Every structure is written in C-alpha cells, then in structure tokens.
PDB file of all heavy atoms in Angstrom:
ATOM      1  N   GLN A   1     -64.480 149.422 135.530  1.00  0.00           N
ATOM      2  CA  GLN A   1     -64.191 150.612 136.324  1.00  0.00           C
ATOM      3  C   GLN A   1     -63.981 151.851 135.464  1.00  0.00           C
ATOM      4  O   GLN A   1     -64.002 152.975 135.965  1.00  0.00           O
ATOM      5  CB  GLN A   1     -62.964 150.390 137.226  1.00  0.00           C
ATOM      6  CG  GLN A   1     -61.677 150.113 136.468  1.00  0.00           C
ATOM      7  CD  GLN A   1     -61.432 148.631 136.303  1.00  0.00           C
ATOM      8  OE1 GLN A   1     -62.382 147.862 136.228  1.00  0.00           O
ATOM      9  NE2 GLN A   1     -60.185 148.223 136.258  1.00  0.00           N
ATOM     10  N   TRP A   2     -63.766 151.666 134.165  1.00  0.00           N
ATOM     11  CA  TRP A   2     -63.582 152.796 133.257  1.00  0.00           C
ATOM     12  C   TRP A   2     -64.859 153.122 132.495  1.00  0.00           C
ATOM     13  O   TRP A   2     -64.821 153.909 131.545  1.00  0.00           O
ATOM     14  CB  TRP A   2     -62.463 152.502 132.256  1.00  0.00           C
ATOM     15  CG  TRP A   2     -61.108 152.443 132.872  1.00  0.00           C
ATOM     16  CD1 TRP A   2     -60.368 151.341 133.146  1.00  0.00           C
ATOM     17  CD2 TRP A   2     -60.320 153.562 133.308  1.00  0.00           C
ATOM     18  NE1 TRP A   2     -59.174 151.683 133.720  1.00  0.00           N
ATOM     19  CE2 TRP A   2     -59.123 153.043 133.833  1.00  0.00           C
ATOM     20  CE3 TRP A   2     -60.511 154.948 133.299  1.00  0.00           C
ATOM     21  CZ2 TRP A   2     -58.129 153.866 134.349  1.00  0.00           C
ATOM     22  CZ3 TRP A   2     -59.514 155.757 133.803  1.00  0.00           C
ATOM     23  CH2 TRP A   2     -58.341 155.208 134.320  1.00  0.00           C
ATOM     24  N   LYS A   3     -65.976 152.544 132.869  1.00  0.00           N
ATOM     25  CA  LYS A   3     -67.215 152.762 132.124  1.00  0.00           C
ATOM     26  C   LYS A   3     -67.626 154.230 132.147  1.00  0.00           C
ATOM     27  O   LYS A   3     -67.997 154.809 131.114  1.00  0.00           O
ATOM     28  CB  LYS A   3     -68.325 151.888 132.703  1.00  0.00           C
ATOM     29  CG  LYS A   3     -69.635 151.956 131.913  1.00  0.00           C
ATOM     30  CD  LYS A   3     -70.665 150.992 132.473  1.00  0.00           C
ATOM     31  CE  LYS A   3     -71.961 151.039 131.655  1.00  0.00           C
ATOM     32  NZ  LYS A   3     -72.968 150.094 132.200  1.00  0.00           N
ATOM     33  N   ALA A   4     -67.583 154.857 133.333  1.00  0.00           N
ATOM     34  CA  ALA A   4     -67.968 156.274 133.424  1.00  0.00           C
ATOM     35  C   ALA A   4     -67.029 157.149 132.594  1.00  0.00           C
ATOM     36  O   ALA A   4     -67.468 158.090 131.916  1.00  0.00           O
ATOM     37  CB  ALA A   4     -67.959 156.717 134.884  1.00  0.00           C
ATOM     38  N   ALA A   5     -65.726 156.831 132.636  1.00  0.00           N
ATOM     39  CA  ALA A   5     -64.777 157.619 131.836  1.00  0.00           C
ATOM     40  C   ALA A   5     -65.029 157.446 130.350  1.00  0.00           C
ATOM     41  O   ALA A   5     -64.896 158.397 129.569  1.00  0.00           O
ATOM     42  CB  ALA A   5     -63.343 157.204 132.185  1.00  0.00           C
ATOM     43  N   ARG A   6     -65.387 156.213 129.938  1.00  0.00           N
ATOM     44  CA  ARG A   6     -65.677 155.988 128.515  1.00  0.00           C
ATOM     45  C   ARG A   6     -66.894 156.787 128.079  1.00  0.00           C
ATOM     46  O   ARG A   6     -66.904 157.396 127.000  1.00  0.00           O
ATOM     47  CB  ARG A   6     -65.898 154.490 128.259  1.00  0.00           C
ATOM     48  CG  ARG A   6     -64.641 153.656 128.351  1.00  0.00           C
ATOM     49  CD  ARG A   6     -64.850 152.278 127.738  1.00  0.00           C
ATOM     50  NE  ARG A   6     -65.864 151.495 128.433  1.00  0.00           N
ATOM     51  CZ  ARG A   6     -65.607 150.666 129.439  1.00  0.00           C
ATOM     52  NH1 ARG A   6     -64.365 150.520 129.862  1.00  0.00           N
ATOM     53  NH2 ARG A   6     -66.568 149.978 130.013  1.00  0.00           N
ATOM     54  N   TRP A   7     -67.943 156.798 128.912  1.00  0.00           N
ATOM     55  CA  TRP A   7     -69.132 157.594 128.582  1.00  0.00           C
ATOM     56  C   TRP A   7     -68.792 159.075 128.520  1.00  0.00           C
ATOM     57  O   TRP A   7     -69.265 159.808 127.631  1.00  0.00           O
ATOM     58  CB  TRP A   7     -70.228 157.336 129.613  1.00  0.00           C
ATOM     59  CG  TRP A   7     -71.060 156.134 129.298  1.00  0.00           C
ATOM     60  CD1 TRP A   7     -71.020 154.918 129.901  1.00  0.00           C
ATOM     61  CD2 TRP A   7     -72.068 156.037 128.281  1.00  0.00           C
ATOM     62  NE1 TRP A   7     -71.925 154.065 129.345  1.00  0.00           N
ATOM     63  CE2 TRP A   7     -72.599 154.724 128.345  1.00  0.00           C
ATOM     64  CE3 TRP A   7     -72.575 156.917 127.333  1.00  0.00           C
ATOM     65  CZ2 TRP A   7     -73.604 154.282 127.494  1.00  0.00           C
ATOM     66  CZ3 TRP A   7     -73.581 156.475 126.477  1.00  0.00           C
ATOM     67  CH2 TRP A   7     -74.091 155.185 126.558  1.00  0.00           C
ATOM     68  N   GLY A   8     -67.985 159.542 129.475  1.00  0.00           N
ATOM     69  CA  GLY A   8     -67.607 160.951 129.475  1.00  0.00           C
ATOM     70  C   GLY A   8     -66.810 161.328 128.231  1.00  0.00           C
ATOM     71  O   GLY A   8     -67.043 162.375 127.616  1.00  0.00           O
ATOM     72  N   ALA A   9     -65.860 160.438 127.840  1.00  0.00           N
ATOM     73  CA  ALA A   9     -65.067 160.717 126.640  1.00  0.00           C
ATOM     74  C   ALA A   9     -65.942 160.714 125.389  1.00  0.00           C
ATOM     75  O   ALA A   9     -65.771 161.544 124.489  1.00  0.00           O
ATOM     76  CB  ALA A   9     -63.946 159.688 126.508  1.00  0.00           C
ATOM     77  N   ALA A  10     -66.901 159.768 125.331  1.00  0.00           N
ATOM     78  CA  ALA A  10     -67.784 159.710 124.165  1.00  0.00           C
ATOM     79  C   ALA A  10     -68.663 160.954 124.074  1.00  0.00           C
ATOM     80  O   ALA A  10     -68.862 161.517 122.987  1.00  0.00           O
ATOM     81  CB  ALA A  10     -68.644 158.446 124.242  1.00  0.00           C
ATOM     82  N   LEU A  11     -69.206 161.394 125.228  1.00  0.00           N
ATOM     83  CA  LEU A  11     -70.046 162.599 125.215  1.00  0.00           C
ATOM     84  C   LEU A  11     -69.227 163.830 124.850  1.00  0.00           C
ATOM     85  O   LEU A  11     -69.706 164.712 124.114  1.00  0.00           O
ATOM     86  CB  LEU A  11     -70.702 162.778 126.587  1.00  0.00           C
ATOM     87  CG  LEU A  11     -71.773 161.744 126.955  1.00  0.00           C
ATOM     88  CD1 LEU A  11     -72.274 161.965 128.370  1.00  0.00           C
ATOM     89  CD2 LEU A  11     -72.942 161.803 125.967  1.00  0.00           C
ATOM     90  N   ALA A  12     -67.986 163.906 125.363  1.00  0.00           N
ATOM     91  CA  ALA A  12     -67.128 165.053 125.023  1.00  0.00           C
ATOM     92  C   ALA A  12     -66.803 165.066 123.537  1.00  0.00           C
ATOM     93  O   ALA A  12     -66.819 166.122 122.885  1.00  0.00           O
ATOM     94  CB  ALA A  12     -65.837 165.006 125.849  1.00  0.00           C
ATOM     95  N   LEU A  13     -66.529 163.896 122.981  1.00  0.00           N
ATOM     96  CA  LEU A  13     -66.249 163.810 121.549  1.00  0.00           C
ATOM     97  C   LEU A  13     -67.479 164.183 120.731  1.00  0.00           C
ATOM     98  O   LEU A  13     -67.379 164.906 119.727  1.00  0.00           O
ATOM     99  CB  LEU A  13     -65.784 162.397 121.199  1.00  0.00           C
ATOM    100  CG  LEU A  13     -65.455 162.136 119.728  1.00  0.00           C
ATOM    101  CD1 LEU A  13     -64.320 163.043 119.266  1.00  0.00           C
ATOM    102  CD2 LEU A  13     -65.087 160.668 119.507  1.00  0.00           C
ATOM    103  N   LEU A  14     -68.654 163.703 121.167  1.00  0.00           N
ATOM    104  CA  LEU A  14     -69.885 164.043 120.457  1.00  0.00           C
ATOM    105  C   LEU A  14     -70.149 165.543 120.499  1.00  0.00           C
ATOM    106  O   LEU A  14     -70.517 166.155 119.478  1.00  0.00           O
ATOM    107  CB  LEU A  14     -71.060 163.271 121.079  1.00  0.00           C
ATOM    108  CG  LEU A  14     -72.442 163.522 120.452  1.00  0.00           C
ATOM    109  CD1 LEU A  14     -72.448 163.103 118.981  1.00  0.00           C
ATOM    110  CD2 LEU A  14     -73.520 162.774 121.222  1.00  0.00           C
ATOM    111  N   ALA A  15     -69.959 166.149 121.679  1.00  0.00           N
ATOM    112  CA  ALA A  15     -70.159 167.598 121.784  1.00  0.00           C
ATOM    113  C   ALA A  15     -69.168 168.356 120.904  1.00  0.00           C
ATOM    114  O   ALA A  15     -69.516 169.368 120.283  1.00  0.00           O
ATOM    115  CB  ALA A  15     -69.998 168.022 123.250  1.00  0.00           C
ATOM    116  N   GLN A  16     -67.936 167.853 120.836  1.00  0.00           N
ATOM    117  CA  GLN A  16     -66.930 168.504 119.989  1.00  0.00           C
ATOM    118  C   GLN A  16     -67.323 168.431 118.518  1.00  0.00           C
ATOM    119  O   GLN A  16     -67.230 169.423 117.789  1.00  0.00           O
ATOM    120  CB  GLN A  16     -65.572 167.828 120.206  1.00  0.00           C
ATOM    121  CG  GLN A  16     -64.425 168.477 119.463  1.00  0.00           C
ATOM    122  CD  GLN A  16     -63.944 169.749 120.109  1.00  0.00           C
ATOM    123  OE1 GLN A  16     -64.479 170.154 121.131  1.00  0.00           O
ATOM    124  NE2 GLN A  16     -62.967 170.394 119.510  1.00  0.00           N
ATOM    125  N   VAL A  17     -67.785 167.258 118.083  1.00  0.00           N
ATOM    126  CA  VAL A  17     -68.170 167.101 116.679  1.00  0.00           C
ATOM    127  C   VAL A  17     -69.374 167.976 116.352  1.00  0.00           C
ATOM    128  O   VAL A  17     -69.413 168.658 115.317  1.00  0.00           O
ATOM    129  CB  VAL A  17     -68.461 165.617 116.375  1.00  0.00           C
ATOM    130  CG1 VAL A  17     -69.070 165.458 114.985  1.00  0.00           C
ATOM    131  CG2 VAL A  17     -67.192 164.794 116.481  1.00  0.00           C
ATOM    132  N   VAL A  18     -70.382 167.969 117.244  1.00  0.00           N
ATOM    133  CA  VAL A  18     -71.568 168.793 117.006  1.00  0.00           C
ATOM    134  C   VAL A  18     -71.195 170.273 116.988  1.00  0.00           C
ATOM    135  O   VAL A  18     -71.656 171.049 116.134  1.00  0.00           O
ATOM    136  CB  VAL A  18     -72.633 168.507 118.083  1.00  0.00           C
ATOM    137  CG1 VAL A  18     -73.781 169.497 117.980  1.00  0.00           C
ATOM    138  CG2 VAL A  18     -73.158 167.087 117.937  1.00  0.00           C
ATOM    139  N   GLY A  19     -70.324 170.688 117.927  1.00  0.00           N
ATOM    140  CA  GLY A  19     -69.915 172.090 117.963  1.00  0.00           C
ATOM    141  C   GLY A  19     -69.159 172.512 116.714  1.00  0.00           C
ATOM    142  O   GLY A  19     -69.393 173.588 116.160  1.00  0.00           O
ATOM    143  N   LEU A  20     -68.247 171.655 116.246  1.00  0.00           N
ATOM    144  CA  LEU A  20     -67.491 171.979 115.038  1.00  0.00           C
ATOM    145  C   LEU A  20     -68.393 172.066 113.813  1.00  0.00           C
ATOM    146  O   LEU A  20     -68.229 172.951 112.964  1.00  0.00           O
ATOM    147  CB  LEU A  20     -66.399 170.925 114.813  1.00  0.00           C
ATOM    148  CG  LEU A  20     -65.189 170.979 115.750  1.00  0.00           C
ATOM    149  CD1 LEU A  20     -64.248 169.814 115.490  1.00  0.00           C
ATOM    150  CD2 LEU A  20     -64.433 172.299 115.576  1.00  0.00           C
ATOM    151  N   ASN A  21     -69.359 171.155 113.730  1.00  0.00           N
ATOM    152  CA  ASN A  21     -70.287 171.203 112.589  1.00  0.00           C
ATOM    153  C   ASN A  21     -71.161 172.452 112.637  1.00  0.00           C
ATOM    154  O   ASN A  21     -71.423 173.079 111.593  1.00  0.00           O
ATOM    155  CB  ASN A  21     -71.156 169.939 112.569  1.00  0.00           C
ATOM    156  CG  ASN A  21     -70.431 168.750 111.962  1.00  0.00           C
ATOM    157  OD1 ASN A  21     -70.368 168.590 110.745  1.00  0.00           O
ATOM    158  ND2 ASN A  21     -69.883 167.900 112.801  1.00  0.00           N
ATOM    159  N   ALA A  22     -71.611 172.821 113.849  1.00  0.00           N
ATOM    160  CA  ALA A  22     -72.422 174.040 113.965  1.00  0.00           C
ATOM    161  C   ALA A  22     -71.611 175.285 113.598  1.00  0.00           C
ATOM    162  O   ALA A  22     -72.099 176.187 112.902  1.00  0.00           O
ATOM    163  CB  ALA A  22     -72.960 174.159 115.399  1.00  0.00           C
ATOM    164  N   TRP A  23     -70.350 175.320 114.052  1.00  0.00           N
ATOM    165  CA  TRP A  23     -69.490 176.458 113.714  1.00  0.00           C
ATOM    166  C   TRP A  23     -69.226 176.520 112.215  1.00  0.00           C
ATOM    167  O   TRP A  23     -69.273 177.601 111.606  1.00  0.00           O
ATOM    168  CB  TRP A  23     -68.180 176.338 114.478  1.00  0.00           C
ATOM    169  CG  TRP A  23     -67.158 177.363 114.089  1.00  0.00           C
ATOM    170  CD1 TRP A  23     -67.073 178.652 114.515  1.00  0.00           C
ATOM    171  CD2 TRP A  23     -66.071 177.174 113.177  1.00  0.00           C
ATOM    172  NE1 TRP A  23     -66.009 179.283 113.937  1.00  0.00           N
ATOM    173  CE2 TRP A  23     -65.372 178.408 113.098  1.00  0.00           C
ATOM    174  CE3 TRP A  23     -65.619 176.098 112.414  1.00  0.00           C
ATOM    175  CZ2 TRP A  23     -64.260 178.565 112.298  1.00  0.00           C
ATOM    176  CZ3 TRP A  23     -64.507 176.263 111.623  1.00  0.00           C
ATOM    177  CH2 TRP A  23     -63.837 177.489 111.563  1.00  0.00           C
ATOM    178  N   ALA A  24     -68.951 175.351 111.597  1.00  0.00           N
ATOM    179  CA  ALA A  24     -68.696 175.328 110.154  1.00  0.00           C
ATOM    180  C   ALA A  24     -69.935 175.762 109.373  1.00  0.00           C
ATOM    181  O   ALA A  24     -69.833 176.493 108.369  1.00  0.00           O
ATOM    182  CB  ALA A  24     -68.263 173.923 109.731  1.00  0.00           C
ATOM    183  N   TRP A  25     -71.112 175.334 109.823  1.00  0.00           N
ATOM    184  CA  TRP A  25     -72.353 175.724 109.137  1.00  0.00           C
ATOM    185  C   TRP A  25     -72.565 177.233 109.229  1.00  0.00           C
ATOM    186  O   TRP A  25     -72.937 177.893 108.249  1.00  0.00           O
ATOM    187  CB  TRP A  25     -73.519 174.975 109.768  1.00  0.00           C
ATOM    188  CG  TRP A  25     -74.850 175.297 109.152  1.00  0.00           C
ATOM    189  CD1 TRP A  25     -75.355 174.843 107.976  1.00  0.00           C
ATOM    190  CD2 TRP A  25     -75.851 176.165 109.698  1.00  0.00           C
ATOM    191  NE1 TRP A  25     -76.594 175.357 107.739  1.00  0.00           N
ATOM    192  CE2 TRP A  25     -76.939 176.189 108.789  1.00  0.00           C
ATOM    193  CE3 TRP A  25     -75.954 176.926 110.860  1.00  0.00           C
ATOM    194  CZ2 TRP A  25     -78.098 176.932 109.009  1.00  0.00           C
ATOM    195  CZ3 TRP A  25     -77.100 177.667 111.078  1.00  0.00           C
ATOM    196  CH2 TRP A  25     -78.150 177.663 110.166  1.00  0.00           C
ATOM    197  N   THR A  26     -72.287 177.823 110.421  1.00  0.00           N
ATOM    198  CA  THR A  26     -72.430 179.270 110.597  1.00  0.00           C
ATOM    199  C   THR A  26     -71.447 180.034 109.722  1.00  0.00           C
ATOM    200  O   THR A  26     -71.805 181.032 109.071  1.00  0.00           O
ATOM    201  CB  THR A  26     -72.221 179.637 112.073  1.00  0.00           C
ATOM    202  OG1 THR A  26     -73.135 178.898 112.882  1.00  0.00           O
ATOM    203  CG2 THR A  26     -72.436 181.120 112.299  1.00  0.00           C
ATOM    204  N   GLU A  27     -70.189 179.576 109.685  1.00  0.00           N
ATOM    205  CA  GLU A  27     -69.200 180.248 108.859  1.00  0.00           C
ATOM    206  C   GLU A  27     -69.526 180.143 107.379  1.00  0.00           C
ATOM    207  O   GLU A  27     -69.360 181.106 106.621  1.00  0.00           O
ATOM    208  CB  GLU A  27     -67.811 179.638 109.130  1.00  0.00           C
ATOM    209  CG  GLU A  27     -67.242 179.976 110.500  1.00  0.00           C
ATOM    210  CD  GLU A  27     -67.006 181.466 110.666  1.00  0.00           C
ATOM    211  OE1 GLU A  27     -66.457 182.088 109.736  1.00  0.00           O
ATOM    212  OE2 GLU A  27     -67.396 182.009 111.712  1.00  0.00           O
ATOM    213  N   ASN A  28     -70.009 178.987 106.953  1.00  0.00           N
ATOM    214  CA  ASN A  28     -70.375 178.831 105.541  1.00  0.00           C
ATOM    215  C   ASN A  28     -71.520 179.764 105.163  1.00  0.00           C
ATOM    216  O   ASN A  28     -71.528 180.340 104.065  1.00  0.00           O
ATOM    217  CB  ASN A  28     -70.760 177.376 105.264  1.00  0.00           C
ATOM    218  CG  ASN A  28     -69.555 176.454 105.220  1.00  0.00           C
ATOM    219  OD1 ASN A  28     -68.448 176.893 104.927  1.00  0.00           O
ATOM    220  ND2 ASN A  28     -69.763 175.180 105.500  1.00  0.00           N
ATOM    221  N   ARG A  29     -72.475 179.920 106.052  1.00  0.00           N
ATOM    222  CA  ARG A  29     -73.579 180.839 105.782  1.00  0.00           C
ATOM    223  C   ARG A  29     -73.091 182.282 105.695  1.00  0.00           C
ATOM    224  O   ARG A  29     -73.538 183.060 104.838  1.00  0.00           O
ATOM    225  CB  ARG A  29     -74.643 180.714 106.875  1.00  0.00           C
ATOM    226  CG  ARG A  29     -75.437 179.411 106.824  1.00  0.00           C
ATOM    227  CD  ARG A  29     -76.741 179.536 107.557  1.00  0.00           C
ATOM    228  NE  ARG A  29     -77.601 180.554 106.970  1.00  0.00           N
ATOM    229  CZ  ARG A  29     -78.798 180.899 107.464  1.00  0.00           C
ATOM    230  NH1 ARG A  29     -79.234 180.315 108.560  1.00  0.00           N
ATOM    231  NH2 ARG A  29     -79.523 181.818 106.876  1.00  0.00           N
ATOM    232  N   ALA A  30     -72.148 182.656 106.591  1.00  0.00           N
ATOM    233  CA  ALA A  30     -71.618 184.024 106.552  1.00  0.00           C
ATOM    234  C   ALA A  30     -70.848 184.280 105.258  1.00  0.00           C
ATOM    235  O   ALA A  30     -70.979 185.346 104.635  1.00  0.00           O
ATOM    236  CB  ALA A  30     -70.724 184.254 107.767  1.00  0.00           C
ATOM    237  N   ILE A  31     -70.038 183.304 104.835  1.00  0.00           N
ATOM    238  CA  ILE A  31     -69.286 183.456 103.589  1.00  0.00           C
ATOM    239  C   ILE A  31     -70.225 183.541 102.395  1.00  0.00           C
ATOM    240  O   ILE A  31     -70.033 184.363 101.482  1.00  0.00           O
ATOM    241  CB  ILE A  31     -68.297 182.287 103.435  1.00  0.00           C
ATOM    242  CG1 ILE A  31     -67.213 182.367 104.511  1.00  0.00           C
ATOM    243  CG2 ILE A  31     -67.655 182.286 102.051  1.00  0.00           C
ATOM    244  CD1 ILE A  31     -66.297 181.165 104.554  1.00  0.00           C
ATOM    245  N   ALA A  32     -71.249 182.684 102.398  1.00  0.00           N
ATOM    246  CA  ALA A  32     -72.207 182.717 101.292  1.00  0.00           C
ATOM    247  C   ALA A  32     -72.937 184.057 101.239  1.00  0.00           C
ATOM    248  O   ALA A  32     -73.181 184.607 100.151  1.00  0.00           O
ATOM    249  CB  ALA A  32     -73.206 181.570 101.443  1.00  0.00           C
ATOM    250  N   ALA A  33     -73.275 184.623 102.411  1.00  0.00           N
ATOM    251  CA  ALA A  33     -73.961 185.925 102.436  1.00  0.00           C
ATOM    252  C   ALA A  33     -73.059 187.026 101.889  1.00  0.00           C
ATOM    253  O   ALA A  33     -73.506 187.911 101.143  1.00  0.00           O
ATOM    254  CB  ALA A  33     -74.388 186.244 103.862  1.00  0.00           C
ATOM    255  N   LYS A  34     -71.746 186.990 102.239  1.00  0.00           N
ATOM    256  CA  LYS A  34     -70.813 187.985 101.717  1.00  0.00           C
ATOM    257  C   LYS A  34     -70.651 187.847 100.206  1.00  0.00           C
ATOM    258  O   LYS A  34     -70.568 188.849  99.479  1.00  0.00           O
ATOM    259  CB  LYS A  34     -69.458 187.837 102.405  1.00  0.00           C
ATOM    260  CG  LYS A  34     -69.461 188.256 103.870  1.00  0.00           C
ATOM    261  CD  LYS A  34     -68.089 188.102 104.489  1.00  0.00           C
ATOM    262  CE  LYS A  34     -68.107 188.530 105.961  1.00  0.00           C
ATOM    263  NZ  LYS A  34     -66.768 188.373 106.580  1.00  0.00           N
ATOM    264  N   GLN A  35     -70.611 186.616  99.715  1.00  0.00           N
ATOM    265  CA  GLN A  35     -70.490 186.412  98.273  1.00  0.00           C
ATOM    266  C   GLN A  35     -71.719 186.953  97.541  1.00  0.00           C
ATOM    267  O   GLN A  35     -71.595 187.583  96.486  1.00  0.00           O
ATOM    268  CB  GLN A  35     -70.291 184.919  97.973  1.00  0.00           C
ATOM    269  CG  GLN A  35     -68.942 184.379  98.412  1.00  0.00           C
ATOM    270  CD  GLN A  35     -68.822 182.886  98.205  1.00  0.00           C
ATOM    271  OE1 GLN A  35     -69.836 182.192  98.005  1.00  0.00           O
ATOM    272  NE2 GLN A  35     -67.594 182.385  98.255  1.00  0.00           N
ATOM    273  N   VAL A  36     -72.888 186.724  98.099  1.00  0.00           N
ATOM    274  CA  VAL A  36     -74.112 187.254  97.487  1.00  0.00           C
ATOM    275  C   VAL A  36     -74.093 188.781  97.493  1.00  0.00           C
ATOM    276  O   VAL A  36     -74.484 189.437  96.513  1.00  0.00           O
ATOM    277  CB  VAL A  36     -75.343 186.701  98.231  1.00  0.00           C
ATOM    278  CG1 VAL A  36     -76.612 187.420  97.778  1.00  0.00           C
ATOM    279  CG2 VAL A  36     -75.474 185.205  97.994  1.00  0.00           C
TER     280      VAL A  36
END
C-alpha cells in the first residue's frame, strides 16, 4: 500500500539531487568566470 508513496519519495529525492547538482555546476561556472 506504500508503493506509490515510495515511488514519489524516490522521484522527489532524485529531482532534489539533480537540482542541487545543476545549481552547483552553474555556481562553479560563475565563480570560474569571475576568477578568469
């Protein structure tokens, strides 16, 4: 009965990880551009 909730939690966690990595990549590029 918790299968749908488990899938939802996994997708939310995956989206969070992907979003954090995308944000970190963008910030690293901005910092590198300022250093250059």
